[in-house]
């Protein structure tokens, strides 16, 4: 069984998607649709920058989604389609487009607003995120509880064995990081992010997005999705909407998502979109599974040949 995985924020770089758009008509159409849906030249921003503008989360989120769907459409031209889908944080929207639950245009508008709402939920500098390496989740959760002291800090991304990202108030994140290091973490590294994603500080953004989603038509999925917030397989439009809303302030349970896909019989994972971050995580979680990626014509040819074989 084949699962397509879609990357989240952190995979962006100037030039992403350009070679896909030049090589594949179906990919080029995706960027044309994105420009029309958003009312500005997202394609130019992806292909040419400037980098500081691309790094703004309200631009980054639709840029990664468009690039991921451009890669998906190129795969589709080869007749390659998934039997399961999942996406990391923002990538869940790309996965839902792939499964037919949202139109590309609706998803692009939704993630641009998601980025705006997340940025506006917490003033710059008030929140923070940090990667905790080589420490078990129970110890990290305990450190967060001790470090909170009336503030917010909690696991935000449970990415894989020994890799957990925490988020919350900046001072609480720093206290939790020190406690984690004292308890044996190999490293605790502050991440260069503009907001503390996937924690309770995102509740205002979650409420605003929920109101938007009431007016958005989510369809049932043609391909089952393993969602982030529960690591549960869902297929109805109502389940998809509810999971996306809770995902804003909830943890991304990526390790459990991959484990769920394995339990359902997935043996081949294809990362579809910019970067190979998810491929690296899957290799640590699902040792022995076949892991491929598609982000440009060369990697698409390699993936298509492997899948055909």
C-alpha atoms as a PDB file:
ATOM      1  CA  UNK A   1       0.000   0.000   0.000  1.00  0.00           C
ATOM      2  CA  UNK A   2       1.245   3.485  -0.896  1.00  0.00           C
ATOM      3  CA  UNK A   3       0.853   6.630   1.212  1.00  0.00           C
ATOM      4  CA  UNK A   4       1.563  10.158   0.000  1.00  0.00           C
ATOM      5  CA  UNK A   5       2.962  12.471   2.691  1.00  0.00           C
ATOM      6  CA  UNK A   6       2.937  16.263   2.431  1.00  0.00           C
ATOM      7  CA  UNK A   7       5.452  18.579   4.152  1.00  0.00           C
ATOM      8  CA  UNK A   8       4.666  21.528   6.370  1.00  0.00           C
ATOM      9  CA  UNK A   9       6.275  24.856   7.081  1.00  0.00           C
ATOM     10  CA  UNK A  10      10.052  24.812   7.201  1.00  0.00           C
ATOM     11  CA  UNK A  11      10.490  23.334   3.708  1.00  0.00           C
ATOM     12  CA  UNK A  12      10.295  26.682   1.902  1.00  0.00           C
ATOM     13  CA  UNK A  13      13.076  28.059  -0.275  1.00  0.00           C
ATOM     14  CA  UNK A  14      13.191  30.531  -3.147  1.00  0.00           C
ATOM     15  CA  UNK A  15      12.918  28.728  -6.473  1.00  0.00           C
ATOM     16  CA  UNK A  16      10.669  25.945  -5.196  1.00  0.00           C
ATOM     17  CA  UNK A  17       8.222  24.702  -7.765  1.00  0.00           C
ATOM     18  CA  UNK A  18       9.849  26.514 -10.695  1.00  0.00           C
ATOM     19  CA  UNK A  19      11.305  23.386 -12.340  1.00  0.00           C
ATOM     20  CA  UNK A  20       8.008  21.549 -11.899  1.00  0.00           C
ATOM     21  CA  UNK A  21       6.093  24.390 -13.551  1.00  0.00           C
ATOM     22  CA  UNK A  22       8.601  24.479 -16.410  1.00  0.00           C
ATOM     23  CA  UNK A  23       8.524  20.713 -16.950  1.00  0.00           C
ATOM     24  CA  UNK A  24       4.873  19.763 -16.434  1.00  0.00           C
ATOM     25  CA  UNK A  25       1.801  21.594 -17.793  1.00  0.00           C
ATOM     26  CA  UNK A  26      -0.351  20.266 -14.929  1.00  0.00           C
ATOM     27  CA  UNK A  27       2.063  21.767 -12.399  1.00  0.00           C
ATOM     28  CA  UNK A  28       2.105  25.101 -14.214  1.00  0.00           C
ATOM     29  CA  UNK A  29      -1.694  25.236 -14.046  1.00  0.00           C
ATOM     30  CA  UNK A  30      -1.530  24.869 -10.238  1.00  0.00           C
ATOM     31  CA  UNK A  31       0.502  28.067  -9.903  1.00  0.00           C
ATOM     32  CA  UNK A  32      -1.818  29.891 -12.321  1.00  0.00           C
ATOM     33  CA  UNK A  33      -4.781  28.833 -10.196  1.00  0.00           C
ATOM     34  CA  UNK A  34      -2.970  29.962  -7.039  1.00  0.00           C
ATOM     35  CA  UNK A  35      -2.264  33.425  -8.473  1.00  0.00           C
ATOM     36  CA  UNK A  36      -5.935  33.874  -9.355  1.00  0.00           C
ATOM     37  CA  UNK A  37      -7.275  32.504  -6.071  1.00  0.00           C
ATOM     38  CA  UNK A  38      -5.052  34.702  -3.888  1.00  0.00           C
ATOM     39  CA  UNK A  39      -5.115  37.858  -6.014  1.00  0.00           C
ATOM     40  CA  UNK A  40      -1.339  38.237  -6.192  1.00  0.00           C
ATOM     41  CA  UNK A  41       1.571  36.494  -7.947  1.00  0.00           C
ATOM     42  CA  UNK A  42       2.348  33.671  -5.521  1.00  0.00           C
ATOM     43  CA  UNK A  43       4.151  31.978  -8.414  1.00  0.00           C
ATOM     44  CA  UNK A  44       6.638  34.861  -8.683  1.00  0.00           C
ATOM     45  CA  UNK A  45       7.233  34.743  -4.926  1.00  0.00           C
ATOM     46  CA  UNK A  46       7.915  30.996  -5.063  1.00  0.00           C
ATOM     47  CA  UNK A  47      10.142  31.157  -8.117  1.00  0.00           C
ATOM     48  CA  UNK A  48      12.025  34.423  -7.512  1.00  0.00           C
ATOM     49  CA  UNK A  49      11.492  35.619  -3.925  1.00  0.00           C
ATOM     50  CA  UNK A  50      12.441  37.884  -2.234  1.00  0.00           C
ATOM     51  CA  UNK A  51      13.264  35.409   0.520  1.00  0.00           C
ATOM     52  CA  UNK A  52      12.187  37.678   3.396  1.00  0.00           C
ATOM     53  CA  UNK A  53       8.735  37.956   1.840  1.00  0.00           C
ATOM     54  CA  UNK A  54       8.485  34.217   1.237  1.00  0.00           C
ATOM     55  CA  UNK A  55       9.394  33.569   4.894  1.00  0.00           C
ATOM     56  CA  UNK A  56       6.297  35.428   6.167  1.00  0.00           C
ATOM     57  CA  UNK A  57       4.002  32.667   7.379  1.00  0.00           C
ATOM     58  CA  UNK A  58       0.949  34.064   5.527  1.00  0.00           C
ATOM     59  CA  UNK A  59       2.967  33.623   2.296  1.00  0.00           C
ATOM     60  CA  UNK A  60       4.900  30.501   3.257  1.00  0.00           C
ATOM     61  CA  UNK A  61       1.800  28.427   3.905  1.00  0.00           C
ATOM     62  CA  UNK A  62       0.113  28.860   0.482  1.00  0.00           C
ATOM     63  CA  UNK A  63       3.526  28.657  -1.229  1.00  0.00           C
ATOM     64  CA  UNK A  64       4.283  25.221   0.217  1.00  0.00           C
ATOM     65  CA  UNK A  65       0.737  24.028  -0.473  1.00  0.00           C
ATOM     66  CA  UNK A  66       0.907  25.149  -4.126  1.00  0.00           C
ATOM     67  CA  UNK A  67       4.318  23.544  -4.636  1.00  0.00           C
ATOM     68  CA  UNK A  68       3.156  20.292  -3.037  1.00  0.00           C
ATOM     69  CA  UNK A  69       0.027  20.146  -5.197  1.00  0.00           C
ATOM     70  CA  UNK A  70       2.129  20.953  -8.284  1.00  0.00           C
ATOM     71  CA  UNK A  71       4.218  17.845  -7.509  1.00  0.00           C
ATOM     72  CA  UNK A  72       1.036  15.865  -6.864  1.00  0.00           C
ATOM     73  CA  UNK A  73      -0.420  16.838 -10.243  1.00  0.00           C
ATOM     74  CA  UNK A  74       2.783  15.786 -12.006  1.00  0.00           C
ATOM     75  CA  UNK A  75       2.513  12.394 -10.303  1.00  0.00           C
ATOM     76  CA  UNK A  76      -1.119  12.215 -11.370  1.00  0.00           C
ATOM     77  CA  UNK A  77      -0.101  12.676 -15.003  1.00  0.00           C
ATOM     78  CA  UNK A  78       1.884   9.451 -14.611  1.00  0.00           C
ATOM     79  CA  UNK A  79      -1.157   7.684 -13.208  1.00  0.00           C
ATOM     80  CA  UNK A  80       0.402   7.487  -9.716  1.00  0.00           C
ATOM     81  CA  UNK A  81      -2.088   7.928  -6.880  1.00  0.00           C
ATOM     82  CA  UNK A  82      -2.074   7.196  -3.150  1.00  0.00           C
ATOM     83  CA  UNK A  83      -4.083   4.715  -1.099  1.00  0.00           C
ATOM     84  CA  UNK A  84      -3.590   6.754   2.094  1.00  0.00           C
ATOM     85  CA  UNK A  85      -2.582  10.388   2.699  1.00  0.00           C
ATOM     86  CA  UNK A  86      -1.171  12.393   5.603  1.00  0.00           C
ATOM     87  CA  UNK A  87       0.512  15.768   6.022  1.00  0.00           C
ATOM     88  CA  UNK A  88       2.611  17.425   8.698  1.00  0.00           C
ATOM     89  CA  UNK A  89       0.769  20.456  10.154  1.00  0.00           C
ATOM     90  CA  UNK A  90       0.201  22.711   7.114  1.00  0.00           C
ATOM     91  CA  UNK A  91       0.793  19.633   4.940  1.00  0.00           C
ATOM     92  CA  UNK A  92      -2.509  18.186   6.116  1.00  0.00           C
ATOM     93  CA  UNK A  93      -4.251  20.726   3.837  1.00  0.00           C
ATOM     94  CA  UNK A  94      -2.257  19.458   0.830  1.00  0.00           C
ATOM     95  CA  UNK A  95      -3.218  15.909   1.807  1.00  0.00           C
ATOM     96  CA  UNK A  96      -6.907  16.875   1.913  1.00  0.00           C
ATOM     97  CA  UNK A  97      -6.660  18.449  -1.553  1.00  0.00           C
ATOM     98  CA  UNK A  98      -5.022  15.221  -2.766  1.00  0.00           C
ATOM     99  CA  UNK A  99      -7.900  13.210  -1.278  1.00  0.00           C
ATOM    100  CA  UNK A 100     -10.581  15.430  -2.832  1.00  0.00           C
ATOM    101  CA  UNK A 101     -11.885  16.984   0.380  1.00  0.00           C
ATOM    102  CA  UNK A 102     -11.104  20.603  -0.565  1.00  0.00           C
ATOM    103  CA  UNK A 103     -10.596  22.420  -3.847  1.00  0.00           C
ATOM    104  CA  UNK A 104      -7.122  23.823  -4.422  1.00  0.00           C
ATOM    105  CA  UNK A 105      -8.516  27.362  -4.441  1.00  0.00           C
ATOM    106  CA  UNK A 106     -10.358  26.972  -1.123  1.00  0.00           C
ATOM    107  CA  UNK A 107      -7.324  25.372   0.498  1.00  0.00           C
ATOM    108  CA  UNK A 108      -5.007  28.180  -0.644  1.00  0.00           C
ATOM    109  CA  UNK A 109      -7.258  30.883   0.787  1.00  0.00           C
ATOM    110  CA  UNK A 110      -7.706  28.892   4.004  1.00  0.00           C
ATOM    111  CA  UNK A 111      -3.981  28.438   4.656  1.00  0.00           C
ATOM    112  CA  UNK A 112      -3.181  32.069   3.875  1.00  0.00           C
ATOM    113  CA  UNK A 113      -5.728  33.111   6.510  1.00  0.00           C
ATOM    114  CA  UNK A 114      -4.411  30.397   8.845  1.00  0.00           C
ATOM    115  CA  UNK A 115      -0.955  31.941   8.588  1.00  0.00           C
ATOM    116  CA  UNK A 116      -2.304  35.428   9.251  1.00  0.00           C
ATOM    117  CA  UNK A 117      -4.368  34.283  12.235  1.00  0.00           C
ATOM    118  CA  UNK A 118      -1.453  32.371  13.759  1.00  0.00           C
ATOM    119  CA  UNK A 119       0.874  35.347  13.401  1.00  0.00           C
ATOM    120  CA  UNK A 120      -1.668  37.726  14.925  1.00  0.00           C
ATOM    121  CA  UNK A 121      -2.511  35.424  17.848  1.00  0.00           C
ATOM    122  CA  UNK A 122       0.764  36.097  19.692  1.00  0.00           C
ATOM    123  CA  UNK A 123       2.948  39.230  19.436  1.00  0.00           C
ATOM    124  CA  UNK A 124       6.389  38.568  17.946  1.00  0.00           C
ATOM    125  CA  UNK A 125       8.858  37.649  20.694  1.00  0.00           C
ATOM    126  CA  UNK A 126       6.236  36.603  23.256  1.00  0.00           C
ATOM    127  CA  UNK A 127       6.175  32.969  22.169  1.00  0.00           C
ATOM    128  CA  UNK A 128       8.855  30.480  21.168  1.00  0.00           C
ATOM    129  CA  UNK A 129       9.475  26.928  19.978  1.00  0.00           C
ATOM    130  CA  UNK A 130      12.418  24.641  20.743  1.00  0.00           C
ATOM    131  CA  UNK A 131      13.511  21.234  19.460  1.00  0.00           C
ATOM    132  CA  UNK A 132      14.344  18.722  22.196  1.00  0.00           C
ATOM    133  CA  UNK A 133      16.630  15.968  20.945  1.00  0.00           C
ATOM    134  CA  UNK A 134      17.242  12.495  22.402  1.00  0.00           C
ATOM    135  CA  UNK A 135      14.845  12.614  25.344  1.00  0.00           C
ATOM    136  CA  UNK A 136      11.684  10.550  25.776  1.00  0.00           C
ATOM    137  CA  UNK A 137       8.258  12.138  25.464  1.00  0.00           C
ATOM    138  CA  UNK A 138       7.175  11.397  29.085  1.00  0.00           C
ATOM    139  CA  UNK A 139      10.243  13.224  30.431  1.00  0.00           C
ATOM    140  CA  UNK A 140       9.575  16.180  28.124  1.00  0.00           C
ATOM    141  CA  UNK A 141       5.925  16.354  29.194  1.00  0.00           C
ATOM    142  CA  UNK A 142       6.981  16.339  32.845  1.00  0.00           C
ATOM    143  CA  UNK A 143       9.546  19.094  32.224  1.00  0.00           C
ATOM    144  CA  UNK A 144       6.875  21.200  30.527  1.00  0.00           C
ATOM    145  CA  UNK A 145       4.486  20.807  33.455  1.00  0.00           C
ATOM    146  CA  UNK A 146       7.200  21.872  35.911  1.00  0.00           C
ATOM    147  CA  UNK A 147       8.356  24.771  33.741  1.00  0.00           C
ATOM    148  CA  UNK A 148       4.928  26.269  33.052  1.00  0.00           C
ATOM    149  CA  UNK A 149       4.574  28.263  36.296  1.00  0.00           C
ATOM    150  CA  UNK A 150       1.271  29.703  35.128  1.00  0.00           C
ATOM    151  CA  UNK A 151       2.416  30.107  31.523  1.00  0.00           C
ATOM    152  CA  UNK A 152       2.002  27.855  28.481  1.00  0.00           C
ATOM    153  CA  UNK A 153       4.541  25.268  27.351  1.00  0.00           C
ATOM    154  CA  UNK A 154       3.795  21.829  25.877  1.00  0.00           C
ATOM    155  CA  UNK A 155       4.879  19.383  23.165  1.00  0.00           C
ATOM    156  CA  UNK A 156       3.851  20.813  19.785  1.00  0.00           C
ATOM    157  CA  UNK A 157       5.361  18.397  17.246  1.00  0.00           C
ATOM    158  CA  UNK A 158       6.012  14.780  18.199  1.00  0.00           C
ATOM    159  CA  UNK A 159       8.093  14.107  15.127  1.00  0.00           C
ATOM    160  CA  UNK A 160       9.819  10.816  15.826  1.00  0.00           C
ATOM    161  CA  UNK A 161      12.033   8.905  18.233  1.00  0.00           C
ATOM    162  CA  UNK A 162      14.102  11.433  20.141  1.00  0.00           C
ATOM    163  CA  UNK A 163      12.755  14.471  18.270  1.00  0.00           C
ATOM    164  CA  UNK A 164      10.040  16.546  19.915  1.00  0.00           C
ATOM    165  CA  UNK A 165       9.345  20.274  19.466  1.00  0.00           C
ATOM    166  CA  UNK A 166       7.869  22.228  22.377  1.00  0.00           C
ATOM    167  CA  UNK A 167       6.011  25.556  22.125  1.00  0.00           C
ATOM    168  CA  UNK A 168       4.558  28.228  24.367  1.00  0.00           C
ATOM    169  CA  UNK A 169       5.500  31.414  26.192  1.00  0.00           C
ATOM    170  CA  UNK A 170       9.173  32.194  25.496  1.00  0.00           C
ATOM    171  CA  UNK A 171      10.251  32.184  29.150  1.00  0.00           C
ATOM    172  CA  UNK A 172       8.457  28.899  29.820  1.00  0.00           C
ATOM    173  CA  UNK A 173      10.006  27.298  26.720  1.00  0.00           C
ATOM    174  CA  UNK A 174      13.467  28.353  27.961  1.00  0.00           C
ATOM    175  CA  UNK A 175      12.776  26.928  31.435  1.00  0.00           C
ATOM    176  CA  UNK A 176      11.521  23.654  29.957  1.00  0.00           C
ATOM    177  CA  UNK A 177      14.545  23.461  27.659  1.00  0.00           C
ATOM    178  CA  UNK A 178      16.920  23.764  30.619  1.00  0.00           C
ATOM    179  CA  UNK A 179      15.012  21.092  32.551  1.00  0.00           C
ATOM    180  CA  UNK A 180      15.148  18.777  29.536  1.00  0.00           C
ATOM    181  CA  UNK A 181      18.905  19.217  29.219  1.00  0.00           C
ATOM    182  CA  UNK A 182      19.314  18.540  32.931  1.00  0.00           C
ATOM    183  CA  UNK A 183      17.373  15.299  32.456  1.00  0.00           C
ATOM    184  CA  UNK A 184      19.532  14.008  29.661  1.00  0.00           C
ATOM    185  CA  UNK A 185      18.423  15.680  26.424  1.00  0.00           C
ATOM    186  CA  UNK A 186      21.283  15.758  23.933  1.00  0.00           C
ATOM    187  CA  UNK A 187      20.286  19.249  22.797  1.00  0.00           C
ATOM    188  CA  UNK A 188      17.535  21.826  23.256  1.00  0.00           C
ATOM    189  CA  UNK A 189      17.537  24.276  20.349  1.00  0.00           C
ATOM    190  CA  UNK A 190      15.385  27.398  19.948  1.00  0.00           C
ATOM    191  CA  UNK A 191      13.802  27.418  16.487  1.00  0.00           C
ATOM    192  CA  UNK A 192      13.730  30.521  14.236  1.00  0.00           C
ATOM    193  CA  UNK A 193       9.931  30.780  14.011  1.00  0.00           C
ATOM    194  CA  UNK A 194       7.634  33.789  14.073  1.00  0.00           C
ATOM    195  CA  UNK A 195       5.003  32.285  16.395  1.00  0.00           C
ATOM    196  CA  UNK A 196       4.548  29.386  18.872  1.00  0.00           C
ATOM    197  CA  UNK A 197       2.528  27.007  16.697  1.00  0.00           C
ATOM    198  CA  UNK A 198       0.454  24.068  17.981  1.00  0.00           C
ATOM    199  CA  UNK A 199       0.005  25.129  21.586  1.00  0.00           C
ATOM    200  CA  UNK A 200      -2.739  26.745  23.678  1.00  0.00           C
ATOM    201  CA  UNK A 201      -1.519  30.258  22.742  1.00  0.00           C
ATOM    202  CA  UNK A 202      -2.969  29.571  19.274  1.00  0.00           C
ATOM    203  CA  UNK A 203      -6.541  29.379  20.622  1.00  0.00           C
ATOM    204  CA  UNK A 204      -7.515  32.819  19.182  1.00  0.00           C
ATOM    205  CA  UNK A 205      -6.330  31.687  15.736  1.00  0.00           C
ATOM    206  CA  UNK A 206      -8.231  28.423  16.127  1.00  0.00           C
ATOM    207  CA  UNK A 207     -11.483  30.237  16.873  1.00  0.00           C
ATOM    208  CA  UNK A 208     -11.098  32.534  13.861  1.00  0.00           C
ATOM    209  CA  UNK A 209     -10.327  29.613  11.551  1.00  0.00           C
ATOM    210  CA  UNK A 210     -13.269  27.622  12.899  1.00  0.00           C
ATOM    211  CA  UNK A 211     -15.593  30.494  11.944  1.00  0.00           C
ATOM    212  CA  UNK A 212     -14.135  30.530   8.412  1.00  0.00           C
ATOM    213  CA  UNK A 213     -14.557  26.770   8.093  1.00  0.00           C
ATOM    214  CA  UNK A 214     -18.268  27.007   8.837  1.00  0.00           C
ATOM    215  CA  UNK A 215     -18.589  28.665   5.433  1.00  0.00           C
ATOM    216  CA  UNK A 216     -16.267  26.255   3.617  1.00  0.00           C
ATOM    217  CA  UNK A 217     -17.440  23.159   1.793  1.00  0.00           C
ATOM    218  CA  UNK A 218     -15.493  20.120   2.971  1.00  0.00           C
ATOM    219  CA  UNK A 219     -16.285  17.027   0.935  1.00  0.00           C
ATOM    220  CA  UNK A 220     -15.876  13.403   1.945  1.00  0.00           C
ATOM    221  CA  UNK A 221     -12.491  11.977   1.011  1.00  0.00           C
ATOM    222  CA  UNK A 222     -11.816   9.632  -1.882  1.00  0.00           C
ATOM    223  CA  UNK A 223      -8.658   8.470  -0.063  1.00  0.00           C
ATOM    224  CA  UNK A 224      -8.502   7.997   3.743  1.00  0.00           C
ATOM    225  CA  UNK A 225      -6.476  10.569   5.719  1.00  0.00           C
ATOM    226  CA  UNK A 226      -4.544   9.960   8.935  1.00  0.00           C
ATOM    227  CA  UNK A 227      -4.958  13.265  10.765  1.00  0.00           C
ATOM    228  CA  UNK A 228      -2.415  15.064  12.940  1.00  0.00           C
ATOM    229  CA  UNK A 229      -4.356  15.825  16.072  1.00  0.00           C
ATOM    230  CA  UNK A 230      -5.540  12.254  16.807  1.00  0.00           C
ATOM    231  CA  UNK A 231      -3.366  10.123  14.477  1.00  0.00           C
ATOM    232  CA  UNK A 232      -6.716   8.643  13.441  1.00  0.00           C
ATOM    233  CA  UNK A 233      -7.948   7.594  10.006  1.00  0.00           C
ATOM    234  CA  UNK A 234     -10.810   9.830   8.826  1.00  0.00           C
ATOM    235  CA  UNK A 235     -12.780  10.064   5.602  1.00  0.00           C
ATOM    236  CA  UNK A 236     -15.822  12.341   6.081  1.00  0.00           C
ATOM    237  CA  UNK A 237     -15.824  16.074   5.450  1.00  0.00           C
ATOM    238  CA  UNK A 238     -17.092  16.707   8.990  1.00  0.00           C
ATOM    239  CA  UNK A 239     -14.215  14.722  10.542  1.00  0.00           C
ATOM    240  CA  UNK A 240     -11.682  16.513   8.344  1.00  0.00           C
ATOM    241  CA  UNK A 241     -12.984  19.967   9.313  1.00  0.00           C
ATOM    242  CA  UNK A 242     -13.085  19.188  13.025  1.00  0.00           C
ATOM    243  CA  UNK A 243      -9.558  17.777  13.008  1.00  0.00           C
ATOM    244  CA  UNK A 244      -8.128  20.779  11.153  1.00  0.00           C
ATOM    245  CA  UNK A 245      -9.685  23.163  13.666  1.00  0.00           C
ATOM    246  CA  UNK A 246      -8.257  21.344  16.701  1.00  0.00           C
ATOM    247  CA  UNK A 247      -4.895  20.988  14.972  1.00  0.00           C
ATOM    248  CA  UNK A 248      -4.226  24.742  15.302  1.00  0.00           C
ATOM    249  CA  UNK A 249      -3.651  24.528  19.068  1.00  0.00           C
ATOM    250  CA  UNK A 250      -3.126  20.753  19.309  1.00  0.00           C
ATOM    251  CA  UNK A 251       0.025  18.673  18.999  1.00  0.00           C
ATOM    252  CA  UNK A 252       1.104  17.266  15.648  1.00  0.00           C
ATOM    253  CA  UNK A 253       1.400  13.540  16.431  1.00  0.00           C
ATOM    254  CA  UNK A 254       3.565  12.710  13.448  1.00  0.00           C
ATOM    255  CA  UNK A 255       5.246   9.614  14.854  1.00  0.00           C
ATOM    256  CA  UNK A 256       1.830   8.144  15.679  1.00  0.00           C
ATOM    257  CA  UNK A 257       0.546   9.089  12.198  1.00  0.00           C
ATOM    258  CA  UNK A 258       3.310   7.071  10.549  1.00  0.00           C
ATOM    259  CA  UNK A 259       2.744   4.189  12.970  1.00  0.00           C
ATOM    260  CA  UNK A 260      -0.971   4.242  12.127  1.00  0.00           C
ATOM    261  CA  UNK A 261      -0.190   4.099   8.400  1.00  0.00           C
ATOM    262  CA  UNK A 262       2.112   1.131   9.011  1.00  0.00           C
ATOM    263  CA  UNK A 263      -0.621  -0.617  11.003  1.00  0.00           C
ATOM    264  CA  UNK A 264      -3.008  -0.155   8.070  1.00  0.00           C
ATOM    265  CA  UNK A 265      -0.615  -1.879   5.700  1.00  0.00           C
ATOM    266  CA  UNK A 266       1.385   0.962   4.147  1.00  0.00           C
ATOM    267  CA  UNK A 267       4.787  -0.232   2.945  1.00  0.00           C
ATOM    268  CA  UNK A 268       5.757   2.663   0.628  1.00  0.00           C
ATOM    269  CA  UNK A 269       5.842   6.320   1.677  1.00  0.00           C
ATOM    270  CA  UNK A 270       6.182   9.074  -0.924  1.00  0.00           C
ATOM    271  CA  UNK A 271       6.934  12.607   0.301  1.00  0.00           C
ATOM    272  CA  UNK A 272       5.265  14.963  -2.179  1.00  0.00           C
ATOM    273  CA  UNK A 273       6.468  18.571  -2.100  1.00  0.00           C
ATOM    274  CA  UNK A 274       9.522  20.656  -1.223  1.00  0.00           C
ATOM    275  CA  UNK A 275      12.275  19.105   0.889  1.00  0.00           C
ATOM    276  CA  UNK A 276      12.916  15.685   2.406  1.00  0.00           C
ATOM    277  CA  UNK A 277      12.277  16.347   6.108  1.00  0.00           C
ATOM    278  CA  UNK A 278       9.405  13.858   6.331  1.00  0.00           C
ATOM    279  CA  UNK A 279      11.404  11.228   4.454  1.00  0.00           C
ATOM    280  CA  UNK A 280      14.100  11.433   7.124  1.00  0.00           C
ATOM    281  CA  UNK A 281      11.558  11.124   9.926  1.00  0.00           C
ATOM    282  CA  UNK A 282       9.807   8.156   8.309  1.00  0.00           C
ATOM    283  CA  UNK A 283      13.110   6.298   7.927  1.00  0.00           C
ATOM    284  CA  UNK A 284      13.617   6.560  11.701  1.00  0.00           C
ATOM    285  CA  UNK A 285      10.057   5.495  12.554  1.00  0.00           C
ATOM    286  CA  UNK A 286       9.413   2.861   9.886  1.00  0.00           C
ATOM    287  CA  UNK A 287      12.720   1.067   9.485  1.00  0.00           C
ATOM    288  CA  UNK A 288      12.587  -1.156   6.431  1.00  0.00           C
ATOM    289  CA  UNK A 289       9.784   0.732   4.691  1.00  0.00           C
ATOM    290  CA  UNK A 290      10.375   2.074   1.178  1.00  0.00           C
ATOM    291  CA  UNK A 291      10.674   5.882   1.277  1.00  0.00           C
ATOM    292  CA  UNK A 292      10.626   8.067  -1.846  1.00  0.00           C
ATOM    293  CA  UNK A 293      10.225  11.781  -2.496  1.00  0.00           C
ATOM    294  CA  UNK A 294       9.005  13.974  -5.351  1.00  0.00           C
ATOM    295  CA  UNK A 295       9.956  17.652  -5.529  1.00  0.00           C
ATOM    296  CA  UNK A 296      11.396  18.091  -9.038  1.00  0.00           C
ATOM    297  CA  UNK A 297      11.482  16.232 -12.394  1.00  0.00           C
ATOM    298  CA  UNK A 298      14.518  14.142 -11.440  1.00  0.00           C
ATOM    299  CA  UNK A 299      13.048  12.861  -8.159  1.00  0.00           C
ATOM    300  CA  UNK A 300       9.717  12.283  -9.903  1.00  0.00           C
ATOM    301  CA  UNK A 301      11.395  10.064 -12.519  1.00  0.00           C
ATOM    302  CA  UNK A 302      13.192   8.119  -9.793  1.00  0.00           C
ATOM    303  CA  UNK A 303       9.983   7.662  -7.770  1.00  0.00           C
ATOM    304  CA  UNK A 304       7.961   6.676 -10.848  1.00  0.00           C
ATOM    305  CA  UNK A 305      10.558   4.072 -11.815  1.00  0.00           C
ATOM    306  CA  UNK A 306      10.646   2.647  -8.285  1.00  0.00           C
ATOM    307  CA  UNK A 307       6.850   2.453  -8.083  1.00  0.00           C
ATOM    308  CA  UNK A 308       6.602   0.868 -11.513  1.00  0.00           C
ATOM    309  CA  UNK A 309       9.147  -1.749 -10.448  1.00  0.00           C
END
